[in-house]
Amino acid sequence: MSDAADPLGDPEMRAWMAFLSAAGHLMDHEVERQLKRDGGLSHPEFEVLVRLDRADGGRLRMSDLARQVMISKSRLTYQVTQLERAGLVRRTGCETDRRSVWAELTGAGAAALERVRPGHRRVVRESLIDVLSGEEIELLGDALGRVADRLRSR
């Protein structure tokens, strides 16, 4: 294993630049455009709705939601406020812990997700899945999973 301060070699730099271009810019732009067009949602708002939709009972404590979407609590508060104003999420106090607040998916939020999901899946398939072989998809999932685990543990 090389020293973390060593310069990146050509293959490493190529991988890094391709990752930045594809995941960091181009893919995010495509997803954001589709979500805005189909449902008036930003990518972070969509991520919040998806996490709530997958949560038990359609709700999560704000602190847990912030960890799952990997954004600061203040940024999450802004996103949830926007979603609450649109009627897609509601906040309620936690019965067992007065300091905690729940974010809960509303019926309108679930409907918004259903509106944007087909287009979102199409963009993901066309831009990523259909470009890679099954083996590459497995490799990418494993590799980026390890990267995410390392970053979460910091």
N, C-alpha and C. Protein backbone atom coordinates (compact mmCIF):
# COMPACT_ATOMS: atom_id res chain seq x y z
N MET A 1 0.85 -1.18 0.00
CA MET A 1 0.00 0.00 0.00
C MET A 1 0.89 1.24 0.00
N SER A 2 0.54 2.22 -0.81
CA SER A 2 1.36 3.42 -0.90
C SER A 2 1.04 4.38 0.24
N ASP A 3 1.97 5.29 0.47
CA ASP A 3 1.77 6.34 1.47
C ASP A 3 0.66 7.28 0.98
N ALA A 4 -0.20 7.70 1.88
CA ALA A 4 -1.33 8.55 1.51
C ALA A 4 -0.89 9.87 0.87
N ALA A 5 0.32 10.31 1.16
CA ALA A 5 0.80 11.58 0.62
C ALA A 5 1.49 11.41 -0.73
N ASP A 6 1.69 10.17 -1.19
CA ASP A 6 2.33 9.95 -2.49
C ASP A 6 1.46 10.52 -3.60
N PRO A 7 2.10 11.05 -4.65
CA PRO A 7 1.31 11.54 -5.79
C PRO A 7 0.53 10.38 -6.42
N LEU A 8 -0.60 10.71 -7.02
CA LEU A 8 -1.38 9.69 -7.71
C LEU A 8 -0.68 9.30 -9.01
N GLY A 9 -0.63 8.01 -9.28
CA GLY A 9 -0.09 7.53 -10.54
C GLY A 9 -1.09 7.75 -11.66
N ASP A 10 -0.69 7.50 -12.89
CA ASP A 10 -1.57 7.73 -14.04
C ASP A 10 -2.89 6.96 -13.94
N PRO A 11 -2.88 5.65 -13.65
CA PRO A 11 -4.17 4.94 -13.54
C PRO A 11 -5.03 5.46 -12.39
N GLU A 12 -4.38 5.84 -11.29
CA GLU A 12 -5.12 6.36 -10.14
C GLU A 12 -5.77 7.72 -10.48
N MET A 13 -4.99 8.57 -11.15
CA MET A 13 -5.51 9.89 -11.54
C MET A 13 -6.64 9.73 -12.56
N ARG A 14 -6.49 8.80 -13.49
CA ARG A 14 -7.54 8.54 -14.48
C ARG A 14 -8.82 8.08 -13.77
N ALA A 15 -8.70 7.18 -12.80
CA ALA A 15 -9.86 6.69 -12.06
C ALA A 15 -10.51 7.84 -11.28
N TRP A 16 -9.70 8.66 -10.63
CA TRP A 16 -10.22 9.77 -9.85
C TRP A 16 -10.95 10.79 -10.73
N MET A 17 -10.35 11.15 -11.83
CA MET A 17 -10.96 12.14 -12.73
C MET A 17 -12.25 11.59 -13.36
N ALA A 18 -12.25 10.32 -13.72
CA ALA A 18 -13.46 9.71 -14.28
C ALA A 18 -14.57 9.67 -13.23
N PHE A 19 -14.20 9.33 -11.99
CA PHE A 19 -15.18 9.33 -10.91
C PHE A 19 -15.77 10.71 -10.71
N LEU A 20 -14.93 11.73 -10.64
CA LEU A 20 -15.42 13.10 -10.46
C LEU A 20 -16.35 13.52 -11.58
N SER A 21 -15.94 13.24 -12.81
CA SER A 21 -16.77 13.62 -13.96
C SER A 21 -18.10 12.90 -13.96
N ALA A 22 -18.05 11.59 -13.79
CA ALA A 22 -19.28 10.79 -13.90
C ALA A 22 -20.18 10.98 -12.69
N ALA A 23 -19.67 10.66 -11.51
CA ALA A 23 -20.50 10.67 -10.30
C ALA A 23 -20.68 12.08 -9.76
N GLY A 24 -19.62 12.84 -9.74
CA GLY A 24 -19.65 14.14 -9.09
C GLY A 24 -20.34 15.23 -9.88
N HIS A 25 -20.38 15.10 -11.20
CA HIS A 25 -20.91 16.20 -12.00
C HIS A 25 -22.01 15.75 -12.97
N LEU A 26 -21.65 14.90 -13.89
CA LEU A 26 -22.57 14.55 -14.96
C LEU A 26 -23.79 13.77 -14.47
N MET A 27 -23.57 12.75 -13.67
CA MET A 27 -24.68 11.94 -13.18
C MET A 27 -25.59 12.78 -12.27
N ASP A 28 -24.99 13.55 -11.38
CA ASP A 28 -25.78 14.38 -10.48
C ASP A 28 -26.63 15.38 -11.27
N HIS A 29 -26.06 15.95 -12.33
CA HIS A 29 -26.79 16.89 -13.17
C HIS A 29 -27.99 16.21 -13.85
N GLU A 30 -27.78 15.02 -14.38
CA GLU A 30 -28.86 14.28 -15.04
C GLU A 30 -29.98 13.94 -14.06
N VAL A 31 -29.61 13.46 -12.88
CA VAL A 31 -30.60 13.10 -11.87
C VAL A 31 -31.36 14.34 -11.41
N GLU A 32 -30.64 15.40 -11.13
CA GLU A 32 -31.27 16.65 -10.66
C GLU A 32 -32.26 17.17 -11.71
N ARG A 33 -31.87 17.15 -12.95
CA ARG A 33 -32.73 17.64 -14.03
C ARG A 33 -34.02 16.82 -14.12
N GLN A 34 -33.89 15.51 -14.04
CA GLN A 34 -35.05 14.63 -14.12
C GLN A 34 -35.98 14.85 -12.92
N LEU A 35 -35.42 14.95 -11.71
CA LEU A 35 -36.24 15.13 -10.51
C LEU A 35 -36.99 16.46 -10.54
N LYS A 36 -36.32 17.51 -11.00
CA LYS A 36 -36.97 18.83 -11.11
C LYS A 36 -38.10 18.77 -12.13
N ARG A 37 -37.83 18.15 -13.28
CA ARG A 37 -38.82 18.08 -14.36
C ARG A 37 -40.05 17.26 -13.94
N ASP A 38 -39.82 16.10 -13.35
CA ASP A 38 -40.92 15.18 -13.05
C ASP A 38 -41.65 15.48 -11.74
N GLY A 39 -40.98 16.16 -10.80
CA GLY A 39 -41.64 16.35 -9.51
C GLY A 39 -41.29 17.62 -8.77
N GLY A 40 -40.48 18.49 -9.38
CA GLY A 40 -40.11 19.73 -8.70
C GLY A 40 -39.23 19.51 -7.48
N LEU A 41 -38.52 18.37 -7.44
CA LEU A 41 -37.67 18.04 -6.30
C LEU A 41 -36.20 18.25 -6.62
N SER A 42 -35.45 18.62 -5.60
CA SER A 42 -33.99 18.61 -5.73
C SER A 42 -33.50 17.20 -5.39
N HIS A 43 -32.27 16.91 -5.74
CA HIS A 43 -31.70 15.61 -5.43
C HIS A 43 -31.67 15.37 -3.91
N PRO A 44 -31.22 16.34 -3.09
CA PRO A 44 -31.26 16.14 -1.64
C PRO A 44 -32.68 15.91 -1.10
N GLU A 45 -33.66 16.62 -1.64
CA GLU A 45 -35.04 16.42 -1.19
C GLU A 45 -35.51 15.00 -1.53
N PHE A 46 -35.18 14.54 -2.72
CA PHE A 46 -35.52 13.18 -3.14
C PHE A 46 -34.90 12.17 -2.19
N GLU A 47 -33.64 12.38 -1.84
CA GLU A 47 -32.94 11.46 -0.95
C GLU A 47 -33.63 11.39 0.41
N VAL A 48 -34.06 12.53 0.93
CA VAL A 48 -34.79 12.56 2.21
C VAL A 48 -36.08 11.76 2.09
N LEU A 49 -36.83 11.98 1.02
CA LEU A 49 -38.09 11.26 0.84
C LEU A 49 -37.87 9.76 0.72
N VAL A 50 -36.84 9.36 -0.01
CA VAL A 50 -36.54 7.93 -0.17
C VAL A 50 -36.19 7.31 1.17
N ARG A 51 -35.36 7.98 1.97
CA ARG A 51 -34.98 7.44 3.28
C ARG A 51 -36.19 7.30 4.19
N LEU A 52 -37.07 8.29 4.15
CA LEU A 52 -38.28 8.20 4.97
C LEU A 52 -39.19 7.08 4.48
N ASP A 53 -39.30 6.94 3.17
CA ASP A 53 -40.14 5.90 2.59
C ASP A 53 -39.67 4.51 2.99
N ARG A 54 -38.36 4.34 3.11
CA ARG A 54 -37.79 3.03 3.45
C ARG A 54 -37.76 2.78 4.95
N ALA A 55 -37.99 3.81 5.74
CA ALA A 55 -37.93 3.68 7.20
C ALA A 55 -39.18 3.01 7.75
N ASP A 56 -39.02 2.36 8.87
CA ASP A 56 -40.14 1.73 9.55
C ASP A 56 -41.17 2.79 9.92
N GLY A 57 -42.38 2.62 9.46
CA GLY A 57 -43.44 3.58 9.76
C GLY A 57 -43.34 4.87 8.97
N GLY A 58 -42.42 4.93 8.00
CA GLY A 58 -42.28 6.14 7.18
C GLY A 58 -41.73 7.34 7.92
N ARG A 59 -41.01 7.09 9.02
CA ARG A 59 -40.48 8.21 9.78
C ARG A 59 -39.14 7.85 10.41
N LEU A 60 -38.35 8.91 10.62
CA LEU A 60 -37.04 8.79 11.26
C LEU A 60 -36.83 10.00 12.15
N ARG A 61 -36.04 9.81 13.20
CA ARG A 61 -35.59 10.96 13.99
C ARG A 61 -34.71 11.80 13.07
N MET A 62 -34.78 13.10 13.24
CA MET A 62 -33.99 14.01 12.40
C MET A 62 -32.51 13.68 12.48
N SER A 63 -32.00 13.35 13.66
CA SER A 63 -30.58 13.03 13.81
C SER A 63 -30.21 11.77 13.02
N ASP A 64 -31.09 10.77 13.03
CA ASP A 64 -30.84 9.54 12.27
C ASP A 64 -30.93 9.80 10.77
N LEU A 65 -31.89 10.62 10.39
CA LEU A 65 -32.04 10.98 8.98
C LEU A 65 -30.81 11.73 8.47
N ALA A 66 -30.28 12.64 9.27
CA ALA A 66 -29.07 13.38 8.88
C ALA A 66 -27.90 12.42 8.64
N ARG A 67 -27.76 11.43 9.52
CA ARG A 67 -26.68 10.44 9.34
C ARG A 67 -26.88 9.63 8.07
N GLN A 68 -28.12 9.26 7.80
CA GLN A 68 -28.39 8.44 6.62
C GLN A 68 -28.17 9.18 5.31
N VAL A 69 -28.56 10.43 5.25
CA VAL A 69 -28.37 11.19 4.01
C VAL A 69 -27.01 11.88 3.97
N MET A 70 -26.27 11.76 5.07
CA MET A 70 -24.91 12.26 5.18
C MET A 70 -24.80 13.76 4.87
N ILE A 71 -25.67 14.53 5.51
CA ILE A 71 -25.57 15.98 5.44
C ILE A 71 -25.64 16.54 6.85
N SER A 72 -25.24 17.78 7.00
CA SER A 72 -25.25 18.40 8.32
C SER A 72 -26.69 18.54 8.82
N LYS A 73 -26.82 18.65 10.13
CA LYS A 73 -28.16 18.81 10.71
C LYS A 73 -28.81 20.11 10.23
N SER A 74 -28.01 21.17 10.07
CA SER A 74 -28.59 22.44 9.62
C SER A 74 -29.06 22.33 8.16
N ARG A 75 -28.31 21.65 7.33
CA ARG A 75 -28.71 21.45 5.93
C ARG A 75 -29.97 20.58 5.87
N LEU A 76 -30.01 19.55 6.70
CA LEU A 76 -31.19 18.69 6.74
C LEU A 76 -32.41 19.48 7.20
N THR A 77 -32.24 20.32 8.20
CA THR A 77 -33.36 21.14 8.68
C THR A 77 -33.91 21.99 7.54
N TYR A 78 -33.02 22.56 6.74
CA TYR A 78 -33.46 23.35 5.58
C TYR A 78 -34.25 22.48 4.60
N GLN A 79 -33.71 21.30 4.26
CA GLN A 79 -34.38 20.41 3.30
C GLN A 79 -35.76 19.99 3.83
N VAL A 80 -35.82 19.60 5.09
CA VAL A 80 -37.08 19.15 5.66
C VAL A 80 -38.07 20.31 5.74
N THR A 81 -37.61 21.51 6.03
CA THR A 81 -38.49 22.68 6.05
C THR A 81 -39.11 22.90 4.67
N GLN A 82 -38.30 22.79 3.62
CA GLN A 82 -38.81 22.95 2.25
C GLN A 82 -39.85 21.87 1.94
N LEU A 83 -39.55 20.64 2.33
CA LEU A 83 -40.47 19.52 2.09
C LEU A 83 -41.75 19.66 2.91
N GLU A 84 -41.61 20.19 4.12
CA GLU A 84 -42.77 20.39 4.99
C GLU A 84 -43.67 21.48 4.40
N ARG A 85 -43.08 22.54 3.90
CA ARG A 85 -43.87 23.62 3.27
C ARG A 85 -44.65 23.10 2.07
N ALA A 86 -44.05 22.14 1.36
CA ALA A 86 -44.71 21.54 0.19
C ALA A 86 -45.71 20.46 0.59
N GLY A 87 -45.80 20.15 1.88
CA GLY A 87 -46.73 19.14 2.35
C GLY A 87 -46.26 17.70 2.14
N LEU A 88 -44.97 17.52 1.88
CA LEU A 88 -44.44 16.19 1.59
C LEU A 88 -43.90 15.48 2.82
N VAL A 89 -43.60 16.25 3.84
CA VAL A 89 -43.06 15.74 5.10
C VAL A 89 -43.72 16.50 6.24
N ARG A 90 -43.86 15.84 7.37
CA ARG A 90 -44.33 16.55 8.56
C ARG A 90 -43.36 16.24 9.71
N ARG A 91 -43.17 17.21 10.58
CA ARG A 91 -42.34 17.01 11.77
C ARG A 91 -43.23 16.88 12.98
N THR A 92 -42.87 15.95 13.84
CA THR A 92 -43.61 15.77 15.09
C THR A 92 -42.60 15.54 16.22
N GLY A 93 -43.01 15.86 17.42
CA GLY A 93 -42.17 15.61 18.59
C GLY A 93 -42.12 14.12 18.90
N CYS A 94 -41.02 13.72 19.47
CA CYS A 94 -40.84 12.32 19.88
C CYS A 94 -41.49 12.15 21.25
N GLU A 95 -42.33 11.13 21.37
CA GLU A 95 -43.05 10.89 22.61
C GLU A 95 -42.12 10.51 23.77
N THR A 96 -41.04 9.83 23.48
CA THR A 96 -40.15 9.31 24.52
C THR A 96 -38.93 10.19 24.80
N ASP A 97 -38.66 11.16 23.92
CA ASP A 97 -37.49 12.02 24.10
C ASP A 97 -37.85 13.42 23.61
N ARG A 98 -38.05 14.33 24.54
CA ARG A 98 -38.47 15.69 24.18
C ARG A 98 -37.48 16.43 23.29
N ARG A 99 -36.22 16.03 23.33
CA ARG A 99 -35.21 16.71 22.52
C ARG A 99 -35.23 16.26 21.06
N SER A 100 -35.85 15.11 20.79
CA SER A 100 -35.87 14.55 19.44
C SER A 100 -37.10 14.98 18.67
N VAL A 101 -36.92 15.07 17.35
CA VAL A 101 -38.01 15.40 16.44
C VAL A 101 -38.04 14.34 15.35
N TRP A 102 -39.24 13.88 15.02
CA TRP A 102 -39.43 12.93 13.93
C TRP A 102 -39.68 13.69 12.63
N ALA A 103 -39.15 13.18 11.53
CA ALA A 103 -39.56 13.61 10.19
C ALA A 103 -40.36 12.43 9.64
N GLU A 104 -41.55 12.72 9.14
CA GLU A 104 -42.45 11.67 8.68
C GLU A 104 -42.94 11.96 7.26
N LEU A 105 -42.91 10.96 6.42
CA LEU A 105 -43.40 11.06 5.05
C LEU A 105 -44.92 11.17 5.07
N THR A 106 -45.46 12.13 4.33
CA THR A 106 -46.91 12.27 4.22
C THR A 106 -47.41 11.50 3.00
N GLY A 107 -48.72 11.40 2.87
CA GLY A 107 -49.29 10.78 1.67
C GLY A 107 -48.88 11.52 0.42
N ALA A 108 -48.83 12.84 0.49
CA ALA A 108 -48.40 13.64 -0.67
C ALA A 108 -46.92 13.38 -0.98
N GLY A 109 -46.12 13.16 0.06
CA GLY A 109 -44.70 12.83 -0.16
C GLY A 109 -44.54 11.50 -0.84
N ALA A 110 -45.32 10.51 -0.41
CA ALA A 110 -45.28 9.19 -1.05
C ALA A 110 -45.72 9.29 -2.51
N ALA A 111 -46.75 10.11 -2.77
CA ALA A 111 -47.22 10.30 -4.15
C ALA A 111 -46.16 10.98 -5.00
N ALA A 112 -45.45 11.97 -4.43
CA ALA A 112 -44.38 12.65 -5.16
C ALA A 112 -43.28 11.66 -5.53
N LEU A 113 -42.94 10.78 -4.60
CA LEU A 113 -41.93 9.75 -4.90
C LEU A 113 -42.39 8.86 -6.05
N GLU A 114 -43.63 8.45 -6.02
CA GLU A 114 -44.15 7.59 -7.08
C GLU A 114 -44.11 8.28 -8.44
N ARG A 115 -44.31 9.60 -8.45
CA ARG A 115 -44.25 10.36 -9.71
C ARG A 115 -42.84 10.40 -10.28
N VAL A 116 -41.82 10.56 -9.42
CA VAL A 116 -40.46 10.75 -9.93
C VAL A 116 -39.67 9.44 -10.07
N ARG A 117 -40.09 8.40 -9.39
CA ARG A 117 -39.31 7.15 -9.41
C ARG A 117 -39.12 6.55 -10.80
N PRO A 118 -40.15 6.46 -11.64
CA PRO A 118 -39.90 5.86 -12.96
C PRO A 118 -38.82 6.60 -13.75
N GLY A 119 -38.88 7.91 -13.76
CA GLY A 119 -37.87 8.69 -14.47
C GLY A 119 -36.50 8.56 -13.82
N HIS A 120 -36.48 8.51 -12.50
CA HIS A 120 -35.21 8.36 -11.79
C HIS A 120 -34.57 7.02 -12.15
N ARG A 121 -35.36 5.97 -12.13
CA ARG A 121 -34.84 4.65 -12.50
C ARG A 121 -34.34 4.64 -13.93
N ARG A 122 -35.06 5.30 -14.83
CA ARG A 122 -34.64 5.38 -16.23
C ARG A 122 -33.28 6.06 -16.35
N VAL A 123 -33.12 7.20 -15.67
CA VAL A 123 -31.84 7.93 -15.73
C VAL A 123 -30.71 7.08 -15.18
N VAL A 124 -30.93 6.43 -14.04
CA VAL A 124 -29.89 5.59 -13.45
C VAL A 124 -29.53 4.44 -14.39
N ARG A 125 -30.53 3.81 -14.96
CA ARG A 125 -30.26 2.69 -15.88
C ARG A 125 -29.51 3.17 -17.13
N GLU A 126 -30.03 4.22 -17.77
CA GLU A 126 -29.42 4.70 -19.01
C GLU A 126 -28.01 5.25 -18.79
N SER A 127 -27.80 5.92 -17.67
CA SER A 127 -26.52 6.60 -17.43
C SER A 127 -25.47 5.72 -16.77
N LEU A 128 -25.89 4.68 -16.06
CA LEU A 128 -24.93 3.87 -15.31
C LEU A 128 -25.10 2.38 -15.56
N ILE A 129 -26.22 1.83 -15.22
CA ILE A 129 -26.41 0.38 -15.24
C ILE A 129 -26.23 -0.21 -16.63
N ASP A 130 -26.85 0.40 -17.64
CA ASP A 130 -26.77 -0.15 -18.99
C ASP A 130 -25.39 0.00 -19.63
N VAL A 131 -24.55 0.83 -19.06
CA VAL A 131 -23.20 1.05 -19.60
C VAL A 131 -22.23 -0.01 -19.09
N LEU A 132 -22.55 -0.65 -17.99
CA LEU A 132 -21.65 -1.59 -17.32
C LEU A 132 -22.13 -3.03 -17.47
N SER A 133 -21.18 -3.94 -17.40
CA SER A 133 -21.53 -5.36 -17.37
C SER A 133 -21.98 -5.72 -15.95
N GLY A 134 -22.58 -6.89 -15.80
CA GLY A 134 -23.00 -7.35 -14.48
C GLY A 134 -21.82 -7.45 -13.53
N GLU A 135 -20.69 -7.91 -14.04
CA GLU A 135 -19.48 -8.02 -13.22
C GLU A 135 -18.99 -6.64 -12.78
N GLU A 136 -19.03 -5.67 -13.69
CA GLU A 136 -18.60 -4.31 -13.34
C GLU A 136 -19.54 -3.68 -12.31
N ILE A 137 -20.83 -3.96 -12.42
CA ILE A 137 -21.79 -3.43 -11.45
C ILE A 137 -21.48 -3.98 -10.06
N GLU A 138 -21.21 -5.29 -9.98
CA GLU A 138 -20.85 -5.92 -8.70
C GLU A 138 -19.57 -5.28 -8.15
N LEU A 139 -18.57 -5.14 -9.00
CA LEU A 139 -17.28 -4.56 -8.59
C LEU A 139 -17.46 -3.12 -8.12
N LEU A 140 -18.23 -2.34 -8.87
CA LEU A 140 -18.46 -0.95 -8.50
C LEU A 140 -19.19 -0.85 -7.16
N GLY A 141 -20.21 -1.68 -6.98
CA GLY A 141 -20.95 -1.67 -5.72
C GLY A 141 -20.06 -2.02 -4.55
N ASP A 142 -19.23 -3.05 -4.72
CA ASP A 142 -18.31 -3.44 -3.65
C ASP A 142 -17.28 -2.33 -3.36
N ALA A 143 -16.69 -1.81 -4.42
CA ALA A 143 -15.63 -0.81 -4.26
C ALA A 143 -16.17 0.48 -3.63
N LEU A 144 -17.26 0.99 -4.16
CA LEU A 144 -17.79 2.23 -3.61
C LEU A 144 -18.42 2.03 -2.24
N GLY A 145 -18.89 0.82 -1.97
CA GLY A 145 -19.36 0.50 -0.62
C GLY A 145 -18.24 0.61 0.40
N ARG A 146 -17.05 0.11 0.04
CA ARG A 146 -15.90 0.22 0.95
C ARG A 146 -15.49 1.68 1.14
N VAL A 147 -15.53 2.45 0.06
CA VAL A 147 -15.20 3.88 0.16
C VAL A 147 -16.20 4.57 1.09
N ALA A 148 -17.49 4.31 0.91
CA ALA A 148 -18.51 4.93 1.75
C ALA A 148 -18.35 4.52 3.21
N ASP A 149 -18.05 3.24 3.46
CA ASP A 149 -17.85 2.77 4.84
C ASP A 149 -16.68 3.52 5.50
N ARG A 150 -15.59 3.70 4.76
CA ARG A 150 -14.44 4.41 5.31
C ARG A 150 -14.79 5.84 5.64
N LEU A 151 -15.49 6.50 4.72
CA LEU A 151 -15.85 7.91 4.95
C LEU A 151 -16.85 8.07 6.09
N ARG A 152 -17.79 7.13 6.21
CA ARG A 152 -18.75 7.19 7.32
C ARG A 152 -18.09 7.00 8.67
N SER A 153 -17.02 6.22 8.71
CA SER A 153 -16.36 5.91 9.98
C SER A 153 -15.49 7.05 10.50
N ARG A 154 -15.33 8.08 9.74
CA ARG A 154 -14.49 9.21 10.17
C ARG A 154 -15.22 10.16 11.06
